[in-house]
N, C-alpha and C. Protein backbone atom coordinates (compact mmCIF):
# COMPACT_ATOMS: atom_id res chain seq x y z
N MET A 1 100.22 111.23 120.62
CA MET A 1 101.36 111.53 119.75
C MET A 1 102.60 111.68 120.60
N SER A 2 103.68 111.12 120.18
CA SER A 2 104.93 111.19 120.93
C SER A 2 105.99 111.85 120.08
N ALA A 3 106.97 112.44 120.74
CA ALA A 3 108.07 113.08 120.01
C ALA A 3 109.35 112.86 120.77
N ASP A 4 110.42 112.62 120.05
CA ASP A 4 111.74 112.59 120.67
C ASP A 4 112.71 113.18 119.68
N HIS A 5 113.74 113.82 120.18
CA HIS A 5 114.65 114.50 119.28
C HIS A 5 115.98 114.75 119.98
N THR A 6 116.97 115.01 119.15
CA THR A 6 118.25 115.48 119.65
C THR A 6 118.19 116.98 119.76
N ASP A 7 119.28 117.60 120.18
CA ASP A 7 119.33 119.06 120.20
C ASP A 7 119.15 119.59 118.78
N HIS A 8 118.33 120.62 118.65
CA HIS A 8 118.08 121.22 117.36
C HIS A 8 119.27 122.10 116.98
N PRO A 9 119.64 122.13 115.71
CA PRO A 9 120.75 123.01 115.31
C PRO A 9 120.41 124.45 115.62
N SER A 10 121.37 125.18 116.17
CA SER A 10 121.10 126.54 116.61
C SER A 10 121.30 127.57 115.51
N SER A 11 122.11 127.26 114.49
CA SER A 11 122.37 128.23 113.45
C SER A 11 121.25 128.20 112.42
N PRO A 12 120.91 129.34 111.78
CA PRO A 12 119.86 129.36 110.77
C PRO A 12 120.27 128.58 109.54
N ALA A 13 119.25 128.12 108.80
CA ALA A 13 119.53 127.34 107.59
C ALA A 13 120.18 128.23 106.54
N ALA A 14 120.94 127.58 105.68
CA ALA A 14 121.58 128.32 104.60
C ALA A 14 120.52 128.87 103.66
N ALA A 15 120.90 129.86 102.85
CA ALA A 15 119.95 130.50 101.95
C ALA A 15 119.39 129.49 100.95
N SER A 16 120.20 128.56 100.51
CA SER A 16 119.75 127.54 99.57
C SER A 16 120.13 126.17 100.13
N ARG A 17 119.13 125.31 100.29
CA ARG A 17 119.38 124.00 100.88
C ARG A 17 119.05 122.91 99.86
N THR A 18 119.67 121.76 100.05
CA THR A 18 119.36 120.57 99.27
C THR A 18 118.55 119.65 100.16
N ARG A 19 117.30 119.35 99.75
CA ARG A 19 116.34 118.69 100.62
C ARG A 19 115.78 117.40 100.01
N VAL A 20 115.64 116.39 100.84
CA VAL A 20 114.81 115.24 100.51
C VAL A 20 113.50 115.48 101.24
N GLN A 21 112.37 115.50 100.53
CA GLN A 21 111.13 115.98 101.12
C GLN A 21 110.00 114.97 100.94
N GLY A 22 109.50 114.43 102.06
CA GLY A 22 108.33 113.56 102.01
C GLY A 22 108.59 112.20 101.40
N MET A 23 109.75 111.62 101.67
CA MET A 23 110.08 110.31 101.09
C MET A 23 109.51 109.20 101.97
N PHE A 24 108.73 108.29 101.36
CA PHE A 24 108.13 107.18 102.08
C PHE A 24 109.15 106.05 102.26
N VAL A 25 109.13 105.45 103.45
CA VAL A 25 110.02 104.32 103.76
C VAL A 25 109.20 103.29 104.52
N SER A 26 109.30 102.03 104.14
CA SER A 26 108.60 100.96 104.86
C SER A 26 109.33 100.60 106.14
N LEU A 27 108.67 99.84 107.00
CA LEU A 27 109.31 99.42 108.25
C LEU A 27 110.57 98.59 108.00
N ASP A 28 110.61 97.89 106.87
CA ASP A 28 111.82 97.12 106.57
C ASP A 28 112.76 97.86 105.63
N GLY A 29 112.57 99.20 105.50
CA GLY A 29 113.59 100.03 104.89
C GLY A 29 113.46 100.30 103.41
N TYR A 30 112.38 99.83 102.76
CA TYR A 30 112.26 100.00 101.31
C TYR A 30 111.52 101.29 100.97
N SER A 31 111.99 101.97 99.90
CA SER A 31 111.34 103.18 99.41
C SER A 31 110.85 103.05 97.97
N ALA A 32 111.15 101.97 97.32
CA ALA A 32 110.70 101.74 95.94
C ALA A 32 110.67 100.24 95.69
N GLY A 33 109.90 99.86 94.68
CA GLY A 33 109.85 98.46 94.30
C GLY A 33 111.08 98.06 93.51
N SER A 34 111.16 96.78 93.20
CA SER A 34 112.28 96.27 92.42
C SER A 34 112.05 96.41 90.92
N TYR A 35 110.84 96.82 90.52
CA TYR A 35 110.53 96.97 89.10
C TYR A 35 109.56 98.15 88.93
N VAL A 36 109.55 98.72 87.74
CA VAL A 36 108.63 99.79 87.36
C VAL A 36 108.09 99.45 85.98
N THR A 37 106.77 99.44 85.83
CA THR A 37 106.15 99.22 84.52
C THR A 37 105.08 100.28 84.31
N PHE A 38 104.59 100.40 83.08
CA PHE A 38 103.51 101.34 82.81
C PHE A 38 102.29 101.04 83.68
N GLU A 39 102.01 99.75 83.92
CA GLU A 39 100.84 99.36 84.69
C GLU A 39 101.09 99.45 86.19
N GLU A 40 102.33 99.27 86.63
CA GLU A 40 102.65 99.28 88.05
C GLU A 40 103.86 100.20 88.30
N PRO A 41 103.62 101.50 88.35
CA PRO A 41 104.74 102.44 88.49
C PRO A 41 105.46 102.36 89.82
N PHE A 42 104.82 101.78 90.84
CA PHE A 42 105.47 101.64 92.15
C PHE A 42 105.93 100.21 92.42
N GLY A 43 105.65 99.29 91.50
CA GLY A 43 106.01 97.91 91.75
C GLY A 43 105.38 97.39 93.03
N GLU A 44 106.11 96.55 93.76
CA GLU A 44 105.56 95.99 94.99
C GLU A 44 105.52 96.98 96.13
N ALA A 45 106.02 98.20 95.92
CA ALA A 45 106.02 99.22 96.96
C ALA A 45 104.75 100.07 96.97
N ILE A 46 103.71 99.67 96.22
CA ILE A 46 102.48 100.44 96.15
C ILE A 46 101.86 100.64 97.53
N ALA A 47 102.09 99.72 98.45
CA ALA A 47 101.52 99.84 99.80
C ALA A 47 101.98 101.11 100.51
N LEU A 48 103.13 101.65 100.12
CA LEU A 48 103.62 102.86 100.77
C LEU A 48 102.72 104.06 100.50
N THR A 49 101.98 104.06 99.41
CA THR A 49 101.19 105.22 99.01
C THR A 49 99.74 105.15 99.44
N ARG A 50 99.30 104.04 100.01
CA ARG A 50 97.89 103.90 100.39
C ARG A 50 97.51 104.91 101.46
N GLY A 51 96.38 105.56 101.25
CA GLY A 51 95.92 106.57 102.19
C GLY A 51 96.50 107.94 101.94
N TYR A 52 97.26 108.10 100.84
CA TYR A 52 97.89 109.38 100.52
C TYR A 52 97.46 109.77 99.12
N ASP A 53 96.76 110.94 98.99
CA ASP A 53 96.27 111.33 97.67
C ASP A 53 97.10 112.41 97.01
N GLY A 54 98.10 112.95 97.72
CA GLY A 54 99.02 113.88 97.11
C GLY A 54 98.55 115.32 97.01
N ARG A 55 97.30 115.62 97.40
CA ARG A 55 96.81 116.99 97.22
C ARG A 55 97.58 118.00 98.06
N ALA A 56 98.07 117.58 99.24
CA ALA A 56 98.70 118.53 100.15
C ALA A 56 100.02 119.07 99.62
N ILE A 57 100.56 118.49 98.57
CA ILE A 57 101.82 119.01 98.04
C ILE A 57 101.66 120.41 97.47
N HIS A 58 100.43 120.82 97.18
CA HIS A 58 100.20 122.16 96.65
C HIS A 58 100.04 123.19 97.77
N GLY A 59 100.18 122.77 99.02
CA GLY A 59 100.06 123.71 100.13
C GLY A 59 98.94 123.31 101.06
N VAL A 60 99.18 123.41 102.35
CA VAL A 60 98.18 122.97 103.32
C VAL A 60 96.91 123.80 103.23
N ASP A 61 96.98 125.02 102.67
CA ASP A 61 95.80 125.86 102.54
C ASP A 61 94.92 125.42 101.38
N LYS A 62 95.36 124.47 100.56
CA LYS A 62 94.60 124.04 99.40
C LYS A 62 93.67 122.87 99.70
N VAL A 63 93.75 122.29 100.89
CA VAL A 63 92.96 121.11 101.20
C VAL A 63 92.25 121.30 102.53
N GLU A 64 91.15 120.56 102.72
CA GLU A 64 90.39 120.65 103.96
C GLU A 64 91.06 119.86 105.08
N ASP A 65 91.86 118.87 104.72
CA ASP A 65 92.53 118.03 105.72
C ASP A 65 93.66 118.82 106.38
N LEU A 66 93.50 119.15 107.65
CA LEU A 66 94.53 119.88 108.38
C LEU A 66 95.23 118.98 109.39
N SER A 67 95.35 117.70 109.05
CA SER A 67 96.03 116.76 109.92
C SER A 67 97.53 117.02 109.92
N PHE A 68 98.24 116.39 110.86
CA PHE A 68 99.69 116.51 110.90
C PHE A 68 100.31 115.97 109.62
N ASP A 69 99.77 114.84 109.11
CA ASP A 69 100.27 114.28 107.85
C ASP A 69 100.18 115.30 106.72
N ALA A 70 99.01 115.98 106.62
CA ALA A 70 98.82 116.95 105.55
C ALA A 70 99.75 118.15 105.73
N ALA A 71 99.93 118.58 106.98
CA ALA A 71 100.82 119.72 107.23
C ALA A 71 102.25 119.39 106.82
N MET A 72 102.71 118.19 107.14
CA MET A 72 104.06 117.80 106.75
C MET A 72 104.17 117.67 105.23
N SER A 73 103.13 117.13 104.60
CA SER A 73 103.16 116.98 103.14
C SER A 73 103.21 118.33 102.45
N SER A 74 102.61 119.36 103.06
CA SER A 74 102.56 120.67 102.43
C SER A 74 103.94 121.31 102.32
N LEU A 75 104.93 120.79 103.06
CA LEU A 75 106.28 121.33 102.97
C LEU A 75 106.98 120.93 101.68
N TRP A 76 106.38 120.00 100.95
CA TRP A 76 106.99 119.43 99.74
C TRP A 76 107.46 120.50 98.76
N GLY A 77 106.65 121.52 98.55
CA GLY A 77 107.00 122.51 97.56
C GLY A 77 107.47 123.84 98.10
N GLN A 78 107.46 124.02 99.41
CA GLN A 78 107.77 125.33 99.98
C GLN A 78 109.26 125.66 99.79
N GLY A 79 109.53 126.76 99.10
CA GLY A 79 110.89 127.22 98.89
C GLY A 79 111.66 126.47 97.82
N ILE A 80 111.02 125.50 97.16
CA ILE A 80 111.71 124.67 96.17
C ILE A 80 111.73 125.37 94.82
N GLY A 81 112.90 125.45 94.19
CA GLY A 81 113.02 126.03 92.86
C GLY A 81 113.32 125.02 91.78
N VAL A 82 113.83 123.84 92.17
CA VAL A 82 114.21 122.79 91.21
C VAL A 82 114.07 121.45 91.90
N GLU A 83 113.66 120.43 91.17
CA GLU A 83 113.77 119.05 91.64
C GLU A 83 114.81 118.32 90.82
N ILE A 84 115.55 117.41 91.46
CA ILE A 84 116.43 116.46 90.78
C ILE A 84 115.89 115.07 91.03
N MET A 85 115.67 114.31 89.97
CA MET A 85 115.14 112.95 90.11
C MET A 85 115.93 111.97 89.25
N GLY A 86 115.84 110.70 89.61
CA GLY A 86 116.40 109.66 88.77
C GLY A 86 115.48 109.35 87.60
N ARG A 87 116.02 108.69 86.60
CA ARG A 87 115.25 108.43 85.38
C ARG A 87 114.02 107.57 85.66
N ARG A 88 114.12 106.62 86.59
CA ARG A 88 113.01 105.69 86.81
C ARG A 88 111.82 106.38 87.45
N LYS A 89 112.05 107.54 88.08
CA LYS A 89 110.91 108.29 88.58
C LYS A 89 110.16 108.96 87.43
N PHE A 90 110.85 109.28 86.35
CA PHE A 90 110.21 109.92 85.20
C PHE A 90 109.41 108.92 84.36
N GLY A 91 109.91 107.68 84.27
CA GLY A 91 109.21 106.70 83.44
C GLY A 91 109.89 105.35 83.51
N PRO A 92 109.25 104.31 82.96
CA PRO A 92 109.80 102.95 83.06
C PRO A 92 110.81 102.60 81.98
N GLN A 93 111.05 103.50 81.02
CA GLN A 93 111.92 103.17 79.90
C GLN A 93 113.38 103.05 80.35
N THR A 94 114.14 102.26 79.62
CA THR A 94 115.58 102.16 79.82
C THR A 94 116.27 102.31 78.47
N GLY A 95 117.57 102.61 78.50
CA GLY A 95 118.33 102.74 77.26
C GLY A 95 118.02 104.03 76.53
N PRO A 96 118.43 104.12 75.27
CA PRO A 96 118.18 105.33 74.47
C PRO A 96 116.69 105.63 74.40
N TRP A 97 116.37 106.93 74.38
CA TRP A 97 114.97 107.33 74.29
C TRP A 97 114.41 107.02 72.90
N THR A 98 113.15 106.65 72.86
CA THR A 98 112.45 106.45 71.60
C THR A 98 111.38 107.51 71.43
N ASP A 99 110.87 107.67 70.24
CA ASP A 99 109.85 108.67 69.96
C ASP A 99 108.47 108.08 70.26
N ASP A 100 108.23 107.80 71.56
CA ASP A 100 106.97 107.18 71.96
C ASP A 100 105.97 108.17 72.53
N GLY A 101 106.34 109.46 72.59
CA GLY A 101 105.43 110.47 73.09
C GLY A 101 105.32 110.56 74.59
N TRP A 102 106.13 109.79 75.30
CA TRP A 102 106.06 109.78 76.78
C TRP A 102 106.52 111.12 77.34
N ARG A 103 105.68 111.71 78.27
CA ARG A 103 105.99 113.00 78.87
C ARG A 103 105.94 112.92 80.40
N GLY A 104 106.15 111.70 80.93
CA GLY A 104 106.12 111.51 82.39
C GLY A 104 104.79 110.95 82.85
N TRP A 105 104.76 110.57 84.13
CA TRP A 105 103.59 109.91 84.71
C TRP A 105 102.42 110.86 84.95
N TRP A 106 102.63 112.16 84.86
CA TRP A 106 101.71 113.11 85.46
C TRP A 106 100.78 113.81 84.48
N GLY A 107 100.73 113.37 83.22
CA GLY A 107 99.87 114.01 82.25
C GLY A 107 100.37 115.39 81.88
N GLU A 108 99.45 116.29 81.53
CA GLU A 108 99.83 117.62 81.07
C GLU A 108 99.93 118.65 82.19
N GLU A 109 99.74 118.23 83.44
CA GLU A 109 99.89 119.15 84.56
C GLU A 109 100.75 118.50 85.65
N PRO A 110 102.04 118.32 85.41
CA PRO A 110 102.90 117.76 86.45
C PRO A 110 102.87 118.65 87.68
N PRO A 111 102.98 118.08 88.88
CA PRO A 111 102.83 118.86 90.10
C PRO A 111 104.00 119.77 90.42
N PHE A 112 105.11 119.67 89.69
CA PHE A 112 106.35 120.34 90.09
C PHE A 112 106.29 121.86 89.91
N ARG A 113 105.86 122.32 88.75
CA ARG A 113 105.74 123.76 88.46
C ARG A 113 107.08 124.49 88.53
N THR A 114 108.15 123.76 88.36
CA THR A 114 109.52 124.29 88.40
C THR A 114 110.34 123.51 87.38
N PRO A 115 111.58 123.92 87.12
CA PRO A 115 112.48 123.04 86.38
C PRO A 115 112.69 121.73 87.15
N VAL A 116 112.84 120.64 86.43
CA VAL A 116 113.14 119.32 87.00
C VAL A 116 114.30 118.73 86.22
N ILE A 117 115.35 118.32 86.91
CA ILE A 117 116.48 117.66 86.27
C ILE A 117 116.29 116.15 86.41
N VAL A 118 116.23 115.47 85.28
CA VAL A 118 116.13 114.01 85.24
C VAL A 118 117.52 113.46 84.93
N LEU A 119 118.08 112.71 85.86
CA LEU A 119 119.42 112.15 85.66
C LEU A 119 119.33 110.91 84.78
N THR A 120 120.07 110.94 83.68
CA THR A 120 120.03 109.85 82.70
C THR A 120 121.33 109.83 81.93
N HIS A 121 121.74 108.65 81.50
CA HIS A 121 122.92 108.54 80.65
C HIS A 121 122.60 108.89 79.19
N HIS A 122 121.31 109.12 78.89
CA HIS A 122 120.89 109.40 77.52
C HIS A 122 120.19 110.76 77.51
N GLU A 123 120.95 111.81 77.23
CA GLU A 123 120.39 113.15 77.25
C GLU A 123 119.45 113.37 76.07
N ARG A 124 118.56 114.34 76.22
CA ARG A 124 117.60 114.68 75.17
C ARG A 124 117.16 116.12 75.37
N GLU A 125 116.38 116.65 74.43
CA GLU A 125 115.88 118.02 74.54
C GLU A 125 114.89 118.13 75.70
N PRO A 126 114.82 119.29 76.34
CA PRO A 126 113.87 119.48 77.45
C PRO A 126 112.42 119.30 76.98
N ILE A 127 111.55 118.97 77.95
CA ILE A 127 110.11 118.89 77.73
C ILE A 127 109.46 119.93 78.63
N ALA A 128 108.72 120.88 78.06
CA ALA A 128 108.13 121.98 78.82
C ALA A 128 106.61 121.85 78.86
N PHE A 129 106.02 122.30 79.97
CA PHE A 129 104.58 122.29 80.17
C PHE A 129 104.10 123.71 80.48
N ASP A 130 102.83 123.96 80.24
CA ASP A 130 102.27 125.29 80.42
C ASP A 130 102.30 125.76 81.88
N ASN A 131 102.33 124.83 82.84
CA ASN A 131 102.28 125.23 84.26
C ASN A 131 103.67 125.55 84.84
N GLY A 132 104.69 125.62 83.99
CA GLY A 132 106.02 125.98 84.46
C GLY A 132 106.96 124.82 84.66
N THR A 133 106.45 123.59 84.62
CA THR A 133 107.32 122.42 84.72
C THR A 133 108.13 122.26 83.43
N VAL A 134 109.44 122.11 83.58
CA VAL A 134 110.31 121.83 82.44
C VAL A 134 111.26 120.71 82.85
N PHE A 135 111.19 119.58 82.15
CA PHE A 135 112.09 118.47 82.42
C PHE A 135 113.37 118.65 81.60
N HIS A 136 114.52 118.67 82.30
CA HIS A 136 115.83 118.74 81.66
C HIS A 136 116.52 117.40 81.87
N PHE A 137 117.06 116.81 80.85
CA PHE A 137 117.63 115.47 80.91
C PHE A 137 119.15 115.59 80.87
N LEU A 138 119.79 115.17 81.97
CA LEU A 138 121.20 115.49 82.18
C LEU A 138 121.98 114.26 82.61
N ASP A 139 123.11 114.05 81.97
CA ASP A 139 124.07 113.01 82.37
C ASP A 139 125.11 113.68 83.25
N ALA A 140 125.01 113.52 84.56
CA ALA A 140 125.84 114.32 85.46
C ALA A 140 126.02 113.61 86.78
N SER A 141 127.11 113.95 87.46
CA SER A 141 127.34 113.52 88.84
C SER A 141 126.44 114.33 89.77
N PRO A 142 126.28 113.92 91.03
CA PRO A 142 125.49 114.73 91.97
C PRO A 142 125.97 116.17 92.06
N HIS A 143 127.29 116.40 92.14
CA HIS A 143 127.80 117.76 92.23
C HIS A 143 127.45 118.56 90.97
N GLU A 144 127.60 117.95 89.81
CA GLU A 144 127.30 118.65 88.56
C GLU A 144 125.81 118.95 88.44
N ALA A 145 124.97 117.99 88.85
CA ALA A 145 123.53 118.20 88.78
C ALA A 145 123.09 119.31 89.72
N LEU A 146 123.69 119.36 90.91
CA LEU A 146 123.34 120.41 91.86
C LEU A 146 123.77 121.78 91.35
N GLN A 147 124.94 121.84 90.73
CA GLN A 147 125.40 123.10 90.15
C GLN A 147 124.42 123.58 89.08
N ARG A 148 123.96 122.66 88.22
CA ARG A 148 122.99 123.03 87.18
C ARG A 148 121.67 123.49 87.80
N ALA A 149 121.25 122.84 88.89
CA ALA A 149 120.02 123.24 89.57
C ALA A 149 120.11 124.67 90.07
N HIS A 150 121.25 125.04 90.64
CA HIS A 150 121.43 126.41 91.12
C HIS A 150 121.46 127.42 89.98
N GLU A 151 121.93 126.99 88.82
CA GLU A 151 121.90 127.87 87.65
C GLU A 151 120.46 128.09 87.16
N LEU A 152 119.63 127.05 87.25
CA LEU A 152 118.26 127.15 86.78
C LEU A 152 117.39 128.00 87.70
N ALA A 153 117.66 127.97 89.00
CA ALA A 153 116.84 128.71 89.97
C ALA A 153 117.71 129.19 91.12
N PRO A 154 118.50 130.22 90.90
CA PRO A 154 119.45 130.70 91.92
C PRO A 154 118.72 131.10 93.21
N GLY A 155 119.35 130.74 94.34
CA GLY A 155 118.85 131.19 95.64
C GLY A 155 117.67 130.41 96.18
N THR A 156 117.22 129.37 95.49
CA THR A 156 116.10 128.56 95.97
C THR A 156 116.59 127.20 96.45
N ASP A 157 115.74 126.49 97.19
CA ASP A 157 116.09 125.15 97.64
C ASP A 157 115.94 124.15 96.49
N VAL A 158 116.71 123.08 96.58
CA VAL A 158 116.68 122.01 95.59
C VAL A 158 116.15 120.75 96.26
N ARG A 159 115.12 120.15 95.66
CA ARG A 159 114.55 118.92 96.21
C ARG A 159 115.13 117.71 95.46
N ILE A 160 115.69 116.76 96.21
CA ILE A 160 116.11 115.48 95.64
C ILE A 160 114.90 114.56 95.72
N GLY A 161 114.25 114.35 94.58
CA GLY A 161 112.94 113.73 94.59
C GLY A 161 112.94 112.21 94.54
N GLY A 162 114.09 111.58 94.45
CA GLY A 162 114.11 110.13 94.38
C GLY A 162 114.41 109.65 92.97
N GLY A 163 114.41 108.35 92.81
CA GLY A 163 114.14 107.35 93.82
C GLY A 163 115.26 107.21 94.84
N PRO A 164 115.16 106.13 95.65
CA PRO A 164 116.10 105.94 96.73
C PRO A 164 117.56 105.86 96.30
N SER A 165 117.82 105.29 95.13
CA SER A 165 119.22 105.21 94.67
C SER A 165 119.79 106.59 94.43
N THR A 166 118.97 107.50 93.89
CA THR A 166 119.42 108.87 93.66
C THR A 166 119.67 109.57 94.99
N VAL A 167 118.79 109.38 95.95
CA VAL A 167 118.99 109.99 97.27
C VAL A 167 120.28 109.48 97.90
N ARG A 168 120.55 108.19 97.79
CA ARG A 168 121.79 107.63 98.36
C ARG A 168 123.02 108.26 97.73
N GLU A 169 122.99 108.52 96.43
CA GLU A 169 124.13 109.14 95.75
C GLU A 169 124.40 110.54 96.31
N PHE A 170 123.34 111.30 96.56
CA PHE A 170 123.53 112.65 97.10
C PHE A 170 123.95 112.61 98.57
N LEU A 171 123.47 111.63 99.32
CA LEU A 171 123.94 111.46 100.70
C LEU A 171 125.41 111.10 100.72
N ALA A 172 125.81 110.18 99.85
CA ALA A 172 127.21 109.75 99.81
C ALA A 172 128.13 110.90 99.42
N ALA A 173 127.61 111.84 98.62
CA ALA A 173 128.40 112.99 98.20
C ALA A 173 128.35 114.13 99.23
N ASP A 174 127.68 113.90 100.36
CA ASP A 174 127.60 114.90 101.44
C ASP A 174 126.90 116.17 100.95
N LEU A 175 125.85 116.01 100.15
CA LEU A 175 125.18 117.16 99.56
C LEU A 175 123.77 117.40 100.12
N VAL A 176 123.27 116.51 100.97
CA VAL A 176 121.91 116.66 101.50
C VAL A 176 121.95 117.43 102.81
N ASP A 177 121.17 118.52 102.87
CA ASP A 177 121.11 119.34 104.08
C ASP A 177 120.01 118.88 105.03
N THR A 178 118.83 118.54 104.48
CA THR A 178 117.72 118.07 105.32
C THR A 178 117.00 116.93 104.62
N MET A 179 116.41 116.03 105.42
CA MET A 179 115.57 114.96 104.91
C MET A 179 114.30 114.89 105.74
N HIS A 180 113.15 114.83 105.06
CA HIS A 180 111.89 114.49 105.71
C HIS A 180 111.49 113.11 105.22
N LEU A 181 111.52 112.15 106.12
CA LEU A 181 111.15 110.77 105.80
C LEU A 181 109.83 110.45 106.50
N THR A 182 108.94 109.77 105.80
CA THR A 182 107.70 109.27 106.39
C THR A 182 107.80 107.76 106.47
N ILE A 183 107.92 107.24 107.69
CA ILE A 183 108.01 105.80 107.90
C ILE A 183 106.59 105.25 107.96
N VAL A 184 106.24 104.41 107.00
CA VAL A 184 104.88 103.89 106.86
C VAL A 184 104.82 102.51 107.51
N PRO A 185 103.77 102.22 108.32
CA PRO A 185 103.72 100.95 109.05
C PRO A 185 103.31 99.77 108.18
N VAL A 186 104.11 99.50 107.15
CA VAL A 186 103.93 98.33 106.30
C VAL A 186 105.30 97.72 106.06
N THR A 187 105.32 96.44 105.70
CA THR A 187 106.55 95.80 105.24
C THR A 187 106.38 95.43 103.77
N ILE A 188 107.46 95.53 103.01
CA ILE A 188 107.42 95.29 101.57
C ILE A 188 108.08 93.96 101.23
N GLY A 189 109.22 93.67 101.88
CA GLY A 189 109.88 92.40 101.68
C GLY A 189 110.90 92.37 100.56
N SER A 190 110.77 93.28 99.61
CA SER A 190 111.73 93.35 98.51
C SER A 190 111.63 94.73 97.88
N GLY A 191 112.58 95.05 97.03
CA GLY A 191 112.57 96.36 96.38
C GLY A 191 113.91 97.05 96.53
N THR A 192 113.88 98.38 96.61
CA THR A 192 115.09 99.18 96.74
C THR A 192 115.06 99.91 98.07
N ARG A 193 116.06 99.67 98.88
CA ARG A 193 116.14 100.33 100.19
C ARG A 193 116.64 101.75 100.03
N LEU A 194 116.16 102.62 100.93
CA LEU A 194 116.64 103.99 100.91
C LEU A 194 118.06 104.08 101.45
N LEU A 195 118.32 103.39 102.55
CA LEU A 195 119.61 103.53 103.23
C LEU A 195 120.32 102.19 103.24
N GLU A 196 120.64 101.70 102.08
CA GLU A 196 121.37 100.43 101.94
C GLU A 196 122.72 100.55 102.62
N GLY A 197 123.05 99.57 103.45
CA GLY A 197 124.35 99.58 104.11
C GLY A 197 124.35 100.30 105.44
N GLY A 198 123.17 100.68 105.94
CA GLY A 198 123.11 101.30 107.27
C GLY A 198 122.76 102.77 107.22
N LEU A 199 122.47 103.32 108.39
CA LEU A 199 122.06 104.70 108.53
C LEU A 199 123.26 105.63 108.53
N PRO A 200 123.08 106.87 108.05
CA PRO A 200 124.13 107.87 108.25
C PRO A 200 124.41 108.05 109.73
N SER A 201 125.59 108.46 110.06
CA SER A 201 126.00 108.61 111.46
C SER A 201 125.27 109.77 112.13
N SER A 202 124.99 109.62 113.43
CA SER A 202 124.43 110.73 114.20
C SER A 202 125.43 111.88 114.31
N ASP A 203 126.69 111.60 113.98
CA ASP A 203 127.68 112.69 113.91
C ASP A 203 127.41 113.60 112.71
N ASP A 204 126.67 113.09 111.73
CA ASP A 204 126.39 113.84 110.51
C ASP A 204 125.05 114.58 110.55
N PHE A 205 124.06 114.05 111.28
CA PHE A 205 122.72 114.60 111.28
C PHE A 205 122.15 114.72 112.69
N TYR A 206 121.39 115.79 112.93
CA TYR A 206 120.43 115.83 114.02
C TYR A 206 119.15 115.15 113.50
N ILE A 207 118.41 114.48 114.37
CA ILE A 207 117.18 113.81 113.95
C ILE A 207 116.06 114.14 114.92
N GLU A 208 114.92 114.59 114.38
CA GLU A 208 113.70 114.77 115.15
C GLU A 208 112.66 113.78 114.63
N SER A 209 111.85 113.22 115.53
CA SER A 209 110.93 112.17 115.14
C SER A 209 109.60 112.35 115.86
N VAL A 210 108.49 112.20 115.11
CA VAL A 210 107.15 112.26 115.67
C VAL A 210 106.36 111.06 115.14
N THR A 211 105.80 110.26 116.05
CA THR A 211 104.98 109.11 115.67
C THR A 211 103.52 109.43 115.93
N LEU A 212 102.67 109.18 114.92
CA LEU A 212 101.25 109.51 114.98
C LEU A 212 100.43 108.28 115.37
N PRO A 213 99.19 108.48 115.84
CA PRO A 213 98.33 107.34 116.16
C PRO A 213 98.11 106.40 114.97
N SER A 214 98.22 106.91 113.74
CA SER A 214 98.07 106.07 112.55
C SER A 214 99.19 105.05 112.41
N GLY A 215 100.28 105.26 113.16
CA GLY A 215 101.45 104.41 113.04
C GLY A 215 102.53 105.00 112.16
N ARG A 216 102.22 106.07 111.42
CA ARG A 216 103.24 106.73 110.62
C ARG A 216 104.19 107.52 111.52
N THR A 217 105.46 107.50 111.15
CA THR A 217 106.46 108.29 111.86
C THR A 217 107.10 109.26 110.89
N HIS A 218 107.08 110.53 111.24
CA HIS A 218 107.75 111.56 110.44
C HIS A 218 109.10 111.84 111.09
N GLN A 219 110.16 111.71 110.29
CA GLN A 219 111.51 112.01 110.76
C GLN A 219 112.06 113.20 109.96
N ILE A 220 112.65 114.15 110.66
CA ILE A 220 113.35 115.27 110.03
C ILE A 220 114.82 115.14 110.38
N TRP A 221 115.64 115.07 109.35
CA TRP A 221 117.10 114.97 109.51
C TRP A 221 117.72 116.29 109.11
N TYR A 222 118.55 116.86 109.97
CA TYR A 222 119.26 118.12 109.70
C TYR A 222 120.76 117.83 109.64
N ARG A 223 121.39 118.19 108.56
CA ARG A 223 122.83 117.99 108.44
C ARG A 223 123.57 118.87 109.45
N ARG A 224 124.49 118.29 110.20
CA ARG A 224 125.37 119.05 111.07
C ARG A 224 126.44 119.71 110.21
N ARG A 225 126.58 121.00 110.32
CA ARG A 225 127.60 121.72 109.59
C ARG A 225 128.56 122.38 110.57
N PRO A 226 129.84 122.53 110.18
CA PRO A 226 130.81 123.18 111.07
C PRO A 226 130.37 124.60 111.39
């Protein structure tokens, strides 16, 4: 295992951070497919998820796998009070909502267990689940969505859950404090890139990187603040 990094930020993290957590990226820069359907929710980007079963998102103490991959995945929910996601992460539908009974990809036990803001131009009533997950559908800018997230869960971290277009909007608005990216050793060839138009400047982020024997590389990006 190898590691390389810049100087780590010396000041402690803010009480509430905006985080991108556990986002998969292919070697050619794609984080999502070019299409989403009921049958193929990841489109051609399905290769990014192979070998990952998602159990570690509930905490590293919940699974027998104590690998570095599992430990990094367990950070997904730590300190998170709200997720913000784009509409395509919630479902494949476009346009005005219909009464089709759709409640997201995750059945009756979504993994979030917190409020979730779904960014959409077509607002609707919230959808609540017994495990604490509540989907709120909001037509808002990144700043407005983040303000609403802090109202829903004051003092907690906010996870920007994707897809890549949503993450780019929050990066462009200078609202992301940390990013954990998992670079997967596959190429996709098409889809939606996470960092279209180039990488953020090293003047904006510190970056730490660890490459595993599996070929996966975990990158942690820390926003430089004055």
